[in-house]
Every structure is written in C-alpha cells, then in structure tokens.
C-alpha cells in the first residue's frame, strides 16, 4: 500500500495499527527496546496518537518503560513532544506521577516536562501524585519546582486539601516544609484543616494545627471544623480542635442558631455531645430566635442524645422553633412518629398541648394518646374542640382502645354525643360513653340526637338508662367532676387518693369496664 491523495489531503496507509495504537506505541507500552529502535530506524513516526490522544511517550510513561522513554526523548525533534497532551489534557508527566513512576518522572523533568501543566480538569502532576500517595514522586516534583499552592483542580481543591482528605500525613509534611499555604480555600471556602476534621484525619489535623492553621475557619456556609467533626462523629478530631482553641459557641449558619452541639445531637454523636454540653452557652436552649439542641436530637431520631440533654438540664419545653415551624419538641416527636422520644419528653415534664391529642388520634398513636391523658393537662376544649371531635370520628374504628382512656381522664362525654359521632361508632361505644353521664339530665339537643339515632339505626338503648342513676353513680360523677377541676382525674392521681382500693376502682369505673369487657391495665392489677 502507498499514499492516497484526496484533493490536498495526503493519507498515509503505511502505518500499521493494533488495538487502535501505533506500532511504536505498542513497543513503548511493552518496553520492547529492540523493536522500538527498529521501528524508529525504519522511519516510523513516534508521535502518532490513538483514539485517546495517546502517543508513544504516554505509553512509555504509563507503563514505566524507562529505557523506551529515553529512546523516544532522544528521537524527538523538540521538547513539545515531551509535553504533548492526550485528549484529556494529560502529559506523560501526569501519567507517570499518577502511577508513581519516580524514575520516569525524573527523566521527563530533565527532558523539559512542565511540572505545573494542567489537564482539562485543571489537575497538576503534583496533585495526581498526592492523590495516589506517591511520597517519593511528591518529594521529587516539589524539589523541581512544582507549585504547592494555587488551584490544582476545577473546584479549587489543591494538593494540601487532597493530602488532608486521604490522611497522607507524610505527604502533607513534604508540602508543609515547602511553605504550602495552610489557609488556602477551595471554591466552597473550605481549608485543608476543615477537610481533615470532616474526614477524621486526626494526624493531618494536628499537623495543620501545629503549623498555626485557623481552627475557627468558616466555610462559605458558615460551617466550622468543630461543627463538621461533631456532625461526622470524629471524637478525636473534636478533642484536638477544642484543645487548640476551637470555639463551640461560633454559630455555623447564616440564621445564627446552629452550633456544633446541634450537629452532635442531630446525628447521634452521644460522646461528642457529652463533651460539648458543658462548653456550650445555654442561651441556645431557651433564647429567643435560637433553637434548642433538644429539637436537633428529636429531628435526628436519637433517643440517647435526647436523654443526655434532658439529664444535663436542657428543657423538654424548649422555645417555639421558627426554623422548623414547630411549637415544641413534643410536637416534633409526634409529627415524626418517634413514640419513644415522645414518652421520654413526657416523663421529663413536657407540656401537653391540645393539638397533641388530635395528632395522636389522626395518626393512631394510641399508646402515646393514653400517656398524654395521664399527664392530667387540660383536655381539648374551646377552639381545639371541633378538630378533636373530627379526629375522634376518624379514629372510631379503634375506639375501644382510646375511648375508655379519654373518658377516664375526665373528658366530658356530652361533647362526643353529636349526630356525626353517634352515627359512626358501635352500639357498645355509644353505651359506654353514656355510662359516664347522668343520662337523665342530658342536654335537650343530645336527647334529640339519641332519639333520632334510635329511629335510624339498630341501636337500642339499654334498659337501665330508662331508670334514674343510682346514688353511687351520681356521687362518682360529682367526685370525678371536682377532681377534674383540680386536674387530678388521671389514673395515677386517683391511685394516690387516701381511699381503699375498692373505692379507687369505683372512681376508675372498673365495674363498667368489666361489663363492657374493657381490658384491665397492668397498673390497675397491681393495685388490686
């Protein structure tokens, strides 16, 4: 085969290809010195590129074929061959540095390779050597003029960032000895010390701190090394940062509420949380416009962190959280369905709000609903009553589980006896509710509702509702009414009354519950 001319273009078909690579390139890749000399002597070109833009010098550098590399350098007619770039912008020096071929790197530098040439991704040979932990190559490159500062990747991340990220402490020492800028920032405002803290590279963190790196530096989003170390759970890094003067009260976001203690609580870092609590200003607990770390613990679903905060004096009734648009930590626990955390908050004195009852019925958190009732706080009334009654209707399918608890807590059953509720519940549920009333003195509207219900359904009013309530029943209603006015109508409160157990049982409607086959609570059995 010879040359074929198309217009002014001359195409050479004398070159042989294998695997898209020239014959010279293959010889260099294989380290075949004899074949390489032969091909060059026959006039084969040394700078033909394959479909990656790789020529023979790239193959030799990548494959650590240093003898072939020497031959190619001697055969080259200019230094531009040594610095030729692949389609990704890599030179032979990039390839050799990435692979850790120290002898090749040295020879290329002697031949005029540019130590600070960047790829299409703005990556330098030094960065690649650092990235792959090639300490000898790093040492050689910096001794030959490689710039340890300045951007060495598209995001502004440089070799010091990279050594901190990967924990290459020996590489970092080489860079620091060459006066690497310890405060250099990437496009996100992040310094190498921040990176070391983020990825738990304790030794690198200490080296940077020893050199005077700012332990209170802040990224563009205001995050600090202490914040990120607390978030990621790097206890050793947190301890080191604090020992070098890191400020646990430096707010870490633009809204000036989030501190390292919040990060520890939200991400379940209990050991770090215990370390930060005595060092953190308590203003974040109840301060106006701030957010208590109690919210953070609940948001992250970390019960142990919540217990630690409450044990150390943080309030279960933290300030309204405007950030999350939540009234209290208990609201957040219920909305996130963290029942264990809700119980922990209740046991620590969290205030019960009327909306909590509604939320528990709507989400069918019935065990928590009972616990809320046990607190003896005001039951739903006023502006919340309509929403609560609607929740009662929607939860009627499971009324045997919650209705007894609601009525025993002192909720006025007359509120329930609307047309909507009576039409939605079973006959037993309706009759059970009537047992908590003076059925002979119901309001006229309720009597009419029951009359209409009897006409339009299969409900038949039990016979004893035709009779006057017994004196015992009326006394029970009166006593419970007075206890309710003093917020002492809960099971626990009644069990504390200086009365015989049989009278306590009577006030807790044990006889009625047995008649309607309502399961007896374990706590009631213990008092029997």
Protein backbone atom coordinates (compact mmCIF):
# COMPACT_ATOMS: atom_id res chain seq x y z
CA UNK A 1 0.00 0.00 0.00
CA UNK A 2 1.15 3.55 -0.62
CA UNK A 3 -0.14 7.11 -0.37
CA UNK A 4 -3.66 8.06 -1.47
CA UNK A 5 -4.42 11.71 -2.31
CA UNK A 6 -7.84 13.31 -1.83
CA UNK A 7 -7.67 16.93 -3.00
CA UNK A 8 -4.85 18.49 -0.98
CA UNK A 9 -5.05 15.84 1.79
CA UNK A 10 -2.45 13.09 1.73
CA UNK A 11 -3.42 10.00 3.72
CA UNK A 12 -0.64 7.63 4.80
CA UNK A 13 -1.65 3.95 4.90
CA UNK A 14 1.86 2.63 5.55
CA UNK A 15 1.35 2.72 9.37
CA UNK A 16 0.07 -0.49 10.97
CA UNK A 17 -2.37 -0.31 13.91
CA UNK A 18 -3.26 -2.84 16.57
CA UNK A 19 -5.83 -2.11 19.29
CA UNK A 20 -6.01 1.49 17.91
CA UNK A 21 -2.39 2.05 18.92
CA UNK A 22 0.56 2.63 16.57
CA UNK A 23 3.32 0.04 16.31
CA UNK A 24 5.73 2.42 18.03
CA UNK A 25 3.21 2.96 20.80
CA UNK A 26 2.82 -0.79 21.33
CA UNK A 27 6.55 -1.29 21.52
CA UNK A 28 6.83 1.51 24.09
CA UNK A 29 3.95 0.05 26.09
CA UNK A 30 5.58 -3.37 26.14
CA UNK A 31 9.04 -1.99 26.94
CA UNK A 32 10.39 -3.68 23.80
CA UNK A 33 13.58 -1.68 23.29
CA UNK A 34 14.82 -3.74 20.35
CA UNK A 35 11.58 -3.39 18.39
CA UNK A 36 11.29 0.30 19.21
CA UNK A 37 14.80 1.03 17.85
CA UNK A 38 13.98 -0.94 14.74
CA UNK A 39 10.74 0.91 14.06
CA UNK A 40 12.32 4.32 14.59
CA UNK A 41 15.21 3.37 12.29
CA UNK A 42 12.70 2.40 9.60
CA UNK A 43 11.15 5.84 9.85
CA UNK A 44 8.03 5.11 11.85
CA UNK A 45 6.63 8.22 13.49
CA UNK A 46 6.90 8.43 17.28
CA UNK A 47 4.08 10.96 17.76
CA UNK A 48 1.09 9.26 16.14
CA UNK A 49 -1.86 9.32 18.56
CA UNK A 50 -4.52 6.69 19.20
CA UNK A 51 -8.22 7.31 19.82
CA UNK A 52 -7.39 8.62 23.33
CA UNK A 53 -4.80 11.04 22.05
CA UNK A 54 -2.02 8.88 23.49
CA UNK A 55 1.28 8.72 21.62
CA UNK A 56 4.32 6.54 22.32
CA UNK A 57 5.67 8.79 25.08
CA UNK A 58 2.41 8.45 27.02
CA UNK A 59 2.58 4.66 26.67
CA UNK A 60 6.16 4.54 27.90
CA UNK A 61 5.46 6.82 30.87
CA UNK A 62 2.32 4.97 31.91
CA UNK A 63 3.94 1.54 31.60
CA UNK A 64 7.17 2.56 33.41
CA UNK A 65 9.23 1.68 30.32
CA UNK A 66 12.13 3.99 31.19
CA UNK A 67 14.55 2.62 28.58
CA UNK A 68 11.99 3.12 25.85
CA UNK A 69 11.30 6.58 27.22
CA UNK A 70 14.98 7.51 26.85
CA UNK A 71 14.97 6.33 23.25
CA UNK A 72 11.85 8.36 22.45
CA UNK A 73 13.23 11.51 24.09
CA UNK A 74 16.48 11.17 22.11
CA UNK A 75 14.50 10.65 18.88
CA UNK A 76 12.25 13.65 19.46
CA UNK A 77 12.96 16.77 17.48
CA UNK A 78 11.61 19.18 20.15
CA UNK A 79 10.54 19.45 23.78
CA UNK A 80 6.95 19.82 22.63
CA UNK A 81 6.87 16.02 22.17
CA UNK A 82 7.67 15.57 25.86
CA UNK A 83 4.81 17.91 26.77
CA UNK A 84 2.30 16.57 24.24
CA UNK A 85 -1.19 16.14 25.65
CA UNK A 86 -3.84 13.44 25.40
CA UNK A 87 -7.44 14.29 24.60
CA UNK A 88 -7.99 14.66 28.36
CA UNK A 89 -5.12 17.10 28.53
CA UNK A 90 -2.70 14.75 30.28
CA UNK A 91 1.01 14.84 29.58
CA UNK A 92 3.41 11.94 30.08
CA UNK A 93 4.36 13.57 33.39
CA UNK A 94 0.74 13.40 34.57
CA UNK A 95 0.57 9.69 33.75
CA UNK A 96 3.87 8.86 35.42
CA UNK A 97 3.03 10.91 38.53
CA UNK A 98 -0.34 9.23 38.87
CA UNK A 99 1.25 5.78 38.63
CA UNK A 100 4.12 6.63 40.98
CA UNK A 101 6.91 6.00 38.46
CA UNK A 102 9.58 8.10 40.14
CA UNK A 103 12.40 7.36 37.65
CA UNK A 104 10.15 8.25 34.71
CA UNK A 105 9.09 11.49 36.42
CA UNK A 106 12.72 12.47 36.96
CA UNK A 107 13.69 11.75 33.35
CA UNK A 108 10.74 13.70 31.97
CA UNK A 109 11.60 16.71 34.13
CA UNK A 110 15.20 16.55 32.89
CA UNK A 111 13.87 16.48 29.33
CA UNK A 112 11.87 19.67 29.84
CA UNK A 113 8.48 18.42 31.04
CA UNK A 114 6.41 21.23 32.54
CA UNK A 115 5.94 20.46 36.23
CA UNK A 116 2.83 22.64 36.58
CA UNK A 117 0.98 21.76 33.39
CA UNK A 118 -2.73 21.18 34.00
CA UNK A 119 -5.17 18.74 32.40
CA UNK A 120 -8.61 19.62 31.03
CA UNK A 121 -9.78 19.25 34.65
CA UNK A 122 -7.06 21.67 35.77
CA UNK A 123 -5.19 18.88 37.55
CA UNK A 124 -1.43 19.06 38.02
CA UNK A 125 1.08 16.18 38.17
CA UNK A 126 1.68 17.05 41.83
CA UNK A 127 -2.00 16.69 42.63
CA UNK A 128 -2.10 13.26 40.99
CA UNK A 129 0.96 12.11 42.90
CA UNK A 130 -0.57 13.32 46.18
CA UNK A 131 -3.93 11.78 45.34
CA UNK A 132 -2.32 8.38 44.93
CA UNK A 133 0.02 8.65 47.90
CA UNK A 134 3.27 8.52 45.96
CA UNK A 135 5.51 10.19 48.53
CA UNK A 136 8.76 9.89 46.53
CA UNK A 137 7.18 11.42 43.45
CA UNK A 138 5.74 14.27 45.51
CA UNK A 139 9.16 14.96 47.01
CA UNK A 140 10.77 14.92 43.55
CA UNK A 141 8.16 17.19 41.96
CA UNK A 142 8.33 19.87 44.65
CA UNK A 143 12.14 19.79 44.51
CA UNK A 144 11.90 20.52 40.77
CA UNK A 145 9.58 23.48 41.00
CA UNK A 146 6.07 22.04 41.29
CA UNK A 147 3.82 24.70 42.82
CA UNK A 148 2.44 23.52 46.16
CA UNK A 149 -0.08 26.38 46.24
CA UNK A 150 -2.78 27.55 43.93
CA UNK A 151 -5.73 25.72 42.47
CA UNK A 152 -4.98 22.22 41.25
CA UNK A 153 -8.48 21.05 40.36
CA UNK A 154 -11.67 22.53 38.93
CA UNK A 155 -13.19 23.21 42.37
CA UNK A 156 -10.09 24.94 43.68
CA UNK A 157 -9.08 21.94 45.76
CA UNK A 158 -5.30 21.63 45.89
CA UNK A 159 -2.67 19.14 47.00
CA UNK A 160 -2.86 20.11 50.66
CA UNK A 161 -6.63 19.56 50.62
CA UNK A 162 -6.10 16.19 48.98
CA UNK A 163 -3.46 15.00 51.44
CA UNK A 164 -5.75 16.04 54.32
CA UNK A 165 -8.70 14.24 52.74
CA UNK A 166 -6.81 10.96 52.36
CA UNK A 167 -4.83 11.19 55.57
CA UNK A 168 -1.44 11.12 53.87
CA UNK A 169 0.45 12.68 56.75
CA UNK A 170 3.93 12.09 55.25
CA UNK A 171 2.89 13.73 52.01
CA UNK A 172 1.43 16.62 53.99
CA UNK A 173 4.73 17.12 55.83
CA UNK A 174 6.56 17.46 52.50
CA UNK A 175 4.06 20.08 51.33
CA UNK A 176 4.22 21.98 54.61
CA UNK A 177 8.01 22.03 54.50
CA UNK A 178 7.70 23.76 51.13
CA UNK A 179 5.55 26.50 52.71
CA UNK A 180 2.23 25.25 51.45
CA UNK A 181 -0.50 27.78 52.24
CA UNK A 182 -2.32 26.27 55.24
CA UNK A 183 -5.24 28.67 54.84
CA UNK A 184 -5.83 28.08 51.13
CA UNK A 185 -9.53 27.73 50.32
CA UNK A 186 -11.39 25.88 47.61
CA UNK A 187 -14.43 27.29 45.82
CA UNK A 188 -16.60 26.50 48.86
CA UNK A 189 -14.32 28.36 51.26
CA UNK A 190 -13.00 25.13 52.76
CA UNK A 191 -9.45 24.90 54.09
CA UNK A 192 -7.27 21.77 54.41
CA UNK A 193 -7.81 21.76 58.19
CA UNK A 194 -11.57 21.74 57.64
CA UNK A 195 -11.15 18.74 55.32
CA UNK A 196 -9.06 16.87 57.90
CA UNK A 197 -11.76 17.49 60.52
CA UNK A 198 -14.53 16.43 58.16
CA UNK A 199 -12.95 13.10 57.26
CA UNK A 200 -11.50 12.27 60.65
CA UNK A 201 -7.86 12.52 59.62
CA UNK A 202 -6.60 13.24 63.10
CA UNK A 203 -2.85 13.21 62.43
CA UNK A 204 -3.19 15.59 59.49
CA UNK A 205 -5.45 17.82 61.54
CA UNK A 206 -2.86 18.03 64.29
CA UNK A 207 -0.05 18.78 61.82
CA UNK A 208 -2.03 21.68 60.37
CA UNK A 209 -2.99 22.99 63.81
CA UNK A 210 0.66 22.76 64.91
CA UNK A 211 1.56 24.96 61.94
CA UNK A 212 -0.94 27.57 63.07
CA UNK A 213 -3.91 26.78 60.85
CA UNK A 214 -7.08 28.56 61.97
CA UNK A 215 -9.23 26.07 63.90
CA UNK A 216 -12.17 28.50 63.77
CA UNK A 217 -12.17 28.99 60.00
CA UNK A 218 -15.61 29.01 58.41
CA UNK A 219 -16.68 27.75 55.00
CA UNK A 220 -18.96 29.86 52.83
CA UNK A 221 -21.98 28.28 54.53
CA UNK A 222 -20.52 29.27 57.94
CA UNK A 223 -19.73 25.69 58.98
CA UNK A 224 -16.65 25.32 61.17
CA UNK A 225 -14.21 22.41 61.53
CA UNK A 226 -15.65 21.72 65.00
CA UNK A 227 -19.17 21.63 63.61
CA UNK A 228 -18.28 19.23 60.79
CA UNK A 229 -16.22 16.97 63.07
CA UNK A 230 -19.14 16.82 65.52
CA UNK A 231 -21.56 16.06 62.70
CA UNK A 232 -19.42 13.25 61.31
CA UNK A 233 -18.69 11.77 64.74
CA UNK A 234 -14.92 12.18 64.83
CA UNK A 235 -14.40 12.34 68.59
CA UNK A 236 -10.57 12.55 68.39
CA UNK A 237 -10.77 15.48 65.99
CA UNK A 238 -13.28 17.26 68.22
CA UNK A 239 -10.99 16.83 71.22
CA UNK A 240 -7.98 18.11 69.26
CA UNK A 241 -9.86 21.12 67.88
CA UNK A 242 -11.05 22.08 71.35
CA UNK A 243 -7.53 21.74 72.73
CA UNK A 244 -6.31 24.17 70.04
CA UNK A 245 -8.98 26.73 70.88
CA UNK A 246 -11.93 25.86 68.64
CA UNK A 247 -14.99 27.87 69.71
CA UNK A 248 -18.08 25.69 70.41
CA UNK A 249 -20.23 28.85 70.51
CA UNK A 250 -19.42 30.03 66.99
CA UNK A 251 -22.68 29.89 65.03
CA UNK A 252 -22.42 27.78 61.93
CA UNK A 253 -25.12 29.12 59.64
CA UNK A 254 -26.46 32.43 58.41
CA UNK A 255 -29.51 32.29 60.67
CA UNK A 256 -27.21 32.26 63.73
CA UNK A 257 -28.76 29.35 65.60
CA UNK A 258 -26.84 26.19 64.73
CA UNK A 259 -23.81 25.20 66.83
CA UNK A 260 -21.63 22.08 67.00
CA UNK A 261 -23.85 20.81 69.81
CA UNK A 262 -26.80 20.74 67.38
CA UNK A 263 -24.81 18.71 64.88
CA UNK A 264 -23.81 16.19 67.55
CA UNK A 265 -27.39 15.84 68.80
CA UNK A 266 -28.98 15.52 65.36
CA UNK A 267 -26.52 12.88 64.16
CA UNK A 268 -26.47 10.77 67.29
CA UNK A 269 -22.92 11.54 68.42
CA UNK A 270 -23.55 10.96 72.12
CA UNK A 271 -19.90 11.00 73.27
CA UNK A 272 -19.25 14.26 71.45
CA UNK A 273 -22.49 15.68 72.79
CA UNK A 274 -21.40 14.97 76.36
CA UNK A 275 -18.11 16.72 75.62
CA UNK A 276 -19.79 19.82 74.16
CA UNK A 277 -22.60 20.34 76.68
CA UNK A 278 -20.50 21.91 79.46
CA UNK A 279 -18.68 24.12 76.92
CA UNK A 280 -21.73 25.45 75.10
CA UNK A 281 -23.59 28.61 76.07
CA UNK A 282 -27.06 27.67 77.36
CA UNK A 283 -28.60 30.62 75.53
CA UNK A 284 -29.35 28.23 72.68
CA UNK A 285 -31.66 26.26 74.99
CA UNK A 286 -34.36 28.88 75.55
CA UNK A 287 -33.00 32.02 73.85
CA UNK A 288 -35.34 33.95 71.60
CA UNK A 289 -34.76 33.19 67.94
CA UNK A 290 -32.48 30.26 68.80
CA UNK A 291 -33.12 26.53 68.51
CA UNK A 292 -32.63 24.16 71.41
CA UNK A 293 -30.45 21.11 70.66
CA UNK A 294 -33.39 19.14 72.06
CA UNK A 295 -35.07 19.80 68.71
CA UNK A 296 -31.98 18.52 66.90
CA UNK A 297 -31.96 15.27 68.87
CA UNK A 298 -35.65 14.70 68.12
CA UNK A 299 -35.24 15.63 64.45
CA UNK A 300 -32.47 13.07 64.09
CA UNK A 301 -34.42 10.43 66.00
CA UNK A 302 -31.64 9.85 68.53
CA UNK A 303 -33.23 8.96 71.85
CA UNK A 304 -29.96 8.58 73.76
CA UNK A 305 -28.87 12.10 72.78
CA UNK A 306 -32.26 13.39 73.90
CA UNK A 307 -31.86 11.67 77.27
CA UNK A 308 -28.38 13.16 77.69
CA UNK A 309 -29.63 16.69 77.01
CA UNK A 310 -32.57 16.36 79.38
CA UNK A 311 -30.37 14.81 82.07
CA UNK A 312 -27.98 17.75 81.77
CA UNK A 313 -30.75 20.25 82.29
CA UNK A 314 -31.96 21.15 78.81
CA UNK A 315 -35.68 21.83 78.85
CA UNK A 316 -38.25 19.48 77.30
CA UNK A 317 -40.33 22.64 76.80
CA UNK A 318 -37.92 24.45 74.52
CA UNK A 319 -38.88 27.70 72.84
CA UNK A 320 -41.08 27.66 69.76
CA UNK A 321 -38.92 26.64 66.82
CA UNK A 322 -39.47 29.06 63.96
CA UNK A 323 -36.91 27.25 61.81
CA UNK A 324 -38.96 24.04 61.77
CA UNK A 325 -42.31 25.82 62.30
CA UNK A 326 -42.89 23.64 65.37
CA UNK A 327 -44.32 24.71 68.73
CA UNK A 328 -42.39 22.29 70.92
CA UNK A 329 -40.07 19.24 70.85
CA UNK A 330 -43.07 17.05 71.69
CA UNK A 331 -44.87 18.37 68.59
CA UNK A 332 -41.87 17.38 66.51
CA UNK A 333 -41.63 13.91 68.07
CA UNK A 334 -45.31 13.22 67.38
CA UNK A 335 -45.17 14.55 63.82
CA UNK A 336 -42.15 12.34 63.09
CA UNK A 337 -43.80 9.33 64.79
CA UNK A 338 -40.95 8.98 67.29
CA UNK A 339 -43.05 7.47 70.05
CA UNK A 340 -40.19 6.51 72.35
CA UNK A 341 -38.84 10.04 72.22
CA UNK A 342 -42.28 11.47 72.91
CA UNK A 343 -42.53 9.30 76.02
CA UNK A 344 -39.07 10.43 77.15
CA UNK A 345 -40.16 14.06 76.77
CA UNK A 346 -43.38 13.40 78.67
CA UNK A 347 -41.54 11.71 81.52
CA UNK A 348 -39.28 14.77 81.74
CA UNK A 349 -42.21 17.16 82.08
CA UNK A 350 -43.02 18.19 78.52
CA UNK A 351 -46.19 20.25 78.34
CA UNK A 352 -49.09 18.59 76.58
CA UNK A 353 -50.91 20.76 74.07
CA UNK A 354 -54.42 20.14 72.84
CA UNK A 355 -53.16 19.64 69.32
CA UNK A 356 -51.10 16.67 70.54
CA UNK A 357 -54.27 14.73 71.28
CA UNK A 358 -55.57 15.46 67.80
CA UNK A 359 -52.33 14.39 66.14
CA UNK A 360 -52.19 11.11 68.10
CA UNK A 361 -55.74 10.17 67.12
CA UNK A 362 -55.22 11.15 63.49
CA UNK A 363 -52.02 9.09 63.27
CA UNK A 364 -53.42 6.34 65.55
CA UNK A 365 -50.59 6.66 68.08
CA UNK A 366 -52.92 5.29 70.71
CA UNK A 367 -50.43 4.23 73.36
CA UNK A 368 -48.99 7.74 73.30
CA UNK A 369 -52.52 9.13 73.40
CA UNK A 370 -53.02 7.31 76.71
CA UNK A 371 -49.73 8.67 78.03
CA UNK A 372 -50.78 12.21 77.14
CA UNK A 373 -54.01 11.75 79.04
CA UNK A 374 -52.09 10.51 82.07
CA UNK A 375 -50.32 13.86 82.33
CA UNK A 376 -53.51 15.46 83.60
CA UNK A 377 -53.10 18.50 81.38
CA UNK A 378 -56.13 20.38 80.03
CA UNK A 379 -58.15 18.20 77.71
CA UNK A 380 -59.24 19.51 74.29
CA UNK A 381 -61.70 22.35 74.57
CA UNK A 382 -62.55 25.71 73.09
CA UNK A 383 -61.10 26.39 69.66
CA UNK A 384 -59.48 22.93 69.50
CA UNK A 385 -62.64 21.00 70.36
CA UNK A 386 -64.02 20.88 66.82
CA UNK A 387 -60.76 19.48 65.42
CA UNK A 388 -60.53 16.96 68.24
CA UNK A 389 -64.08 15.70 67.69
CA UNK A 390 -63.35 15.29 63.99
CA UNK A 391 -60.28 13.22 64.93
CA UNK A 392 -62.48 11.11 67.24
CA UNK A 393 -64.80 10.37 64.33
CA UNK A 394 -61.93 9.41 62.04
CA UNK A 395 -60.47 7.12 64.75
CA UNK A 396 -63.77 5.46 65.66
CA UNK A 397 -62.62 2.10 64.22
CA UNK A 398 -60.29 1.73 67.19
CA UNK A 399 -62.45 3.45 69.76
CA UNK A 400 -62.28 0.51 72.24
CA UNK A 401 -58.58 1.33 72.62
CA UNK A 402 -58.81 5.07 73.24
CA UNK A 403 -62.35 5.93 74.27
CA UNK A 404 -62.10 4.44 77.80
CA UNK A 405 -58.83 6.30 78.40
CA UNK A 406 -60.33 9.56 77.20
CA UNK A 407 -63.40 9.31 79.39
CA UNK A 408 -61.48 8.08 82.43
CA UNK A 409 -59.23 11.12 82.05
CA UNK A 410 -62.30 13.31 82.60
CA UNK A 411 -63.32 14.32 79.09
CA UNK A 412 -66.98 15.31 79.06
CA UNK A 413 -68.80 12.62 77.01
CA UNK A 414 -71.54 15.10 76.11
CA UNK A 415 -69.05 16.66 73.68
CA UNK A 416 -68.94 13.35 71.82
CA UNK A 417 -72.68 12.82 71.56
CA UNK A 418 -73.13 14.61 68.25
CA UNK A 419 -75.03 13.23 65.30
CA UNK A 420 -71.76 12.56 63.44
CA UNK A 421 -70.07 10.66 66.24
CA UNK A 422 -73.10 8.63 67.35
CA UNK A 423 -73.69 7.56 63.76
CA UNK A 424 -70.05 6.48 63.31
CA UNK A 425 -69.46 4.35 66.42
CA UNK A 426 -70.62 0.92 67.52
CA UNK A 427 -73.53 0.48 69.92
CA UNK A 428 -71.14 -0.60 72.67
CA UNK A 429 -69.00 2.53 72.25
CA UNK A 430 -72.09 4.75 72.44
CA UNK A 431 -73.43 2.94 75.50
CA UNK A 432 -70.02 3.08 77.18
CA UNK A 433 -69.90 6.85 76.71
CA UNK A 434 -73.38 7.22 78.23
CA UNK A 435 -72.18 5.40 81.34
CA UNK A 436 -70.06 8.46 82.12
CA UNK A 437 -73.10 10.78 82.17
CA UNK A 438 -76.17 11.48 84.23
CA UNK A 439 -78.29 10.03 81.45
CA UNK A 440 -81.44 11.53 82.90
CA UNK A 441 -80.13 15.06 82.68
CA UNK A 442 -78.61 15.16 79.22
CA UNK A 443 -78.99 18.42 77.28
CA UNK A 444 -82.15 18.51 75.11
CA UNK A 445 -80.08 18.58 71.90
CA UNK A 446 -78.25 15.40 72.94
CA UNK A 447 -81.52 13.68 73.85
CA UNK A 448 -82.88 14.54 70.42
CA UNK A 449 -79.72 13.22 68.75
CA UNK A 450 -80.07 9.90 70.61
CA UNK A 451 -83.77 9.68 69.74
CA UNK A 452 -83.03 10.24 66.06
CA UNK A 453 -80.23 7.70 66.20
CA UNK A 454 -82.55 5.08 67.71
CA UNK A 455 -85.05 5.64 64.90
CA UNK A 456 -82.49 5.47 62.10
CA UNK A 457 -80.29 2.61 63.29
CA UNK A 458 -80.34 -0.73 65.08
CA UNK A 459 -79.25 0.88 68.36
CA UNK A 460 -81.49 0.05 71.28
CA UNK A 461 -80.94 1.98 74.48
CA UNK A 462 -80.15 -0.42 77.36
CA UNK A 463 -82.89 -0.73 79.95
CA UNK A 464 -81.01 0.78 82.87
CA UNK A 465 -80.76 4.08 81.02
CA UNK A 466 -84.53 4.35 81.47
CA UNK A 467 -84.08 4.41 85.23
CA UNK A 468 -82.67 7.13 87.42
CA UNK A 469 -78.93 6.78 88.00
CA UNK A 470 -78.05 5.27 91.33
CA UNK A 471 -76.82 7.46 94.18
CA UNK A 472 -73.42 5.74 93.93
CA UNK A 473 -73.18 6.68 90.27
CA UNK A 474 -74.17 10.29 90.94
CA UNK A 475 -71.61 10.52 93.75
CA UNK A 476 -68.97 9.14 91.39
CA UNK A 477 -69.81 11.76 88.80
CA UNK A 478 -69.62 14.54 91.39
CA UNK A 479 -66.29 13.40 92.83
CA UNK A 480 -64.75 13.00 89.39
CA UNK A 481 -66.04 16.43 88.39
CA UNK A 482 -64.28 18.01 91.35
CA UNK A 483 -61.09 16.05 90.70
CA UNK A 484 -61.20 17.15 87.08
CA UNK A 485 -61.44 20.80 88.11
CA UNK A 486 -58.23 20.26 90.09
CA UNK A 487 -56.61 18.31 87.20
CA UNK A 488 -56.41 15.19 89.35
CA UNK A 489 -58.56 12.86 87.34
CA UNK A 490 -55.79 10.70 85.90
CA UNK A 491 -55.37 7.08 86.95
CA UNK A 492 -52.20 7.96 88.79
CA UNK A 493 -53.87 10.79 90.72
CA UNK A 494 -56.82 8.65 91.73
CA UNK A 495 -54.49 5.87 92.87
CA UNK A 496 -52.80 8.40 95.14
CA UNK A 497 -56.05 9.29 96.93
CA UNK A 498 -56.25 8.15 100.58
CA UNK A 499 -59.08 5.75 99.80
CA UNK A 500 -59.47 1.96 99.89
CA UNK A 501 -58.56 0.29 96.62
CA UNK A 502 -62.16 -0.71 96.05
CA UNK A 503 -63.23 2.94 96.08
CA UNK A 504 -60.36 3.88 93.80
CA UNK A 505 -61.53 1.14 91.44
CA UNK A 506 -65.03 2.54 91.56
CA UNK A 507 -63.83 6.03 90.65
CA UNK A 508 -61.94 4.42 87.75
CA UNK A 509 -65.15 2.77 86.51
CA UNK A 510 -63.77 -0.74 86.98
CA UNK A 511 -67.30 -2.14 87.19
CA UNK A 512 -68.33 -0.52 83.90
CA UNK A 513 -65.11 -1.56 82.16
CA UNK A 514 -65.69 -5.18 83.20
CA UNK A 515 -69.23 -5.03 81.93
CA UNK A 516 -68.03 -3.82 78.54
CA UNK A 517 -65.05 -6.20 78.54
CA UNK A 518 -62.52 -3.40 78.55
CA UNK A 519 -59.07 -4.90 79.35
CA UNK A 520 -57.78 -4.00 82.81
CA UNK A 521 -54.47 -2.12 82.85
CA UNK A 522 -51.48 -3.86 84.42
CA UNK A 523 -51.03 -0.92 86.79
CA UNK A 524 -54.61 -1.40 87.98
CA UNK A 525 -53.99 -5.10 88.56
CA UNK A 526 -51.02 -4.20 90.73
CA UNK A 527 -53.32 -2.12 92.95
CA UNK A 528 -55.96 -4.84 93.18
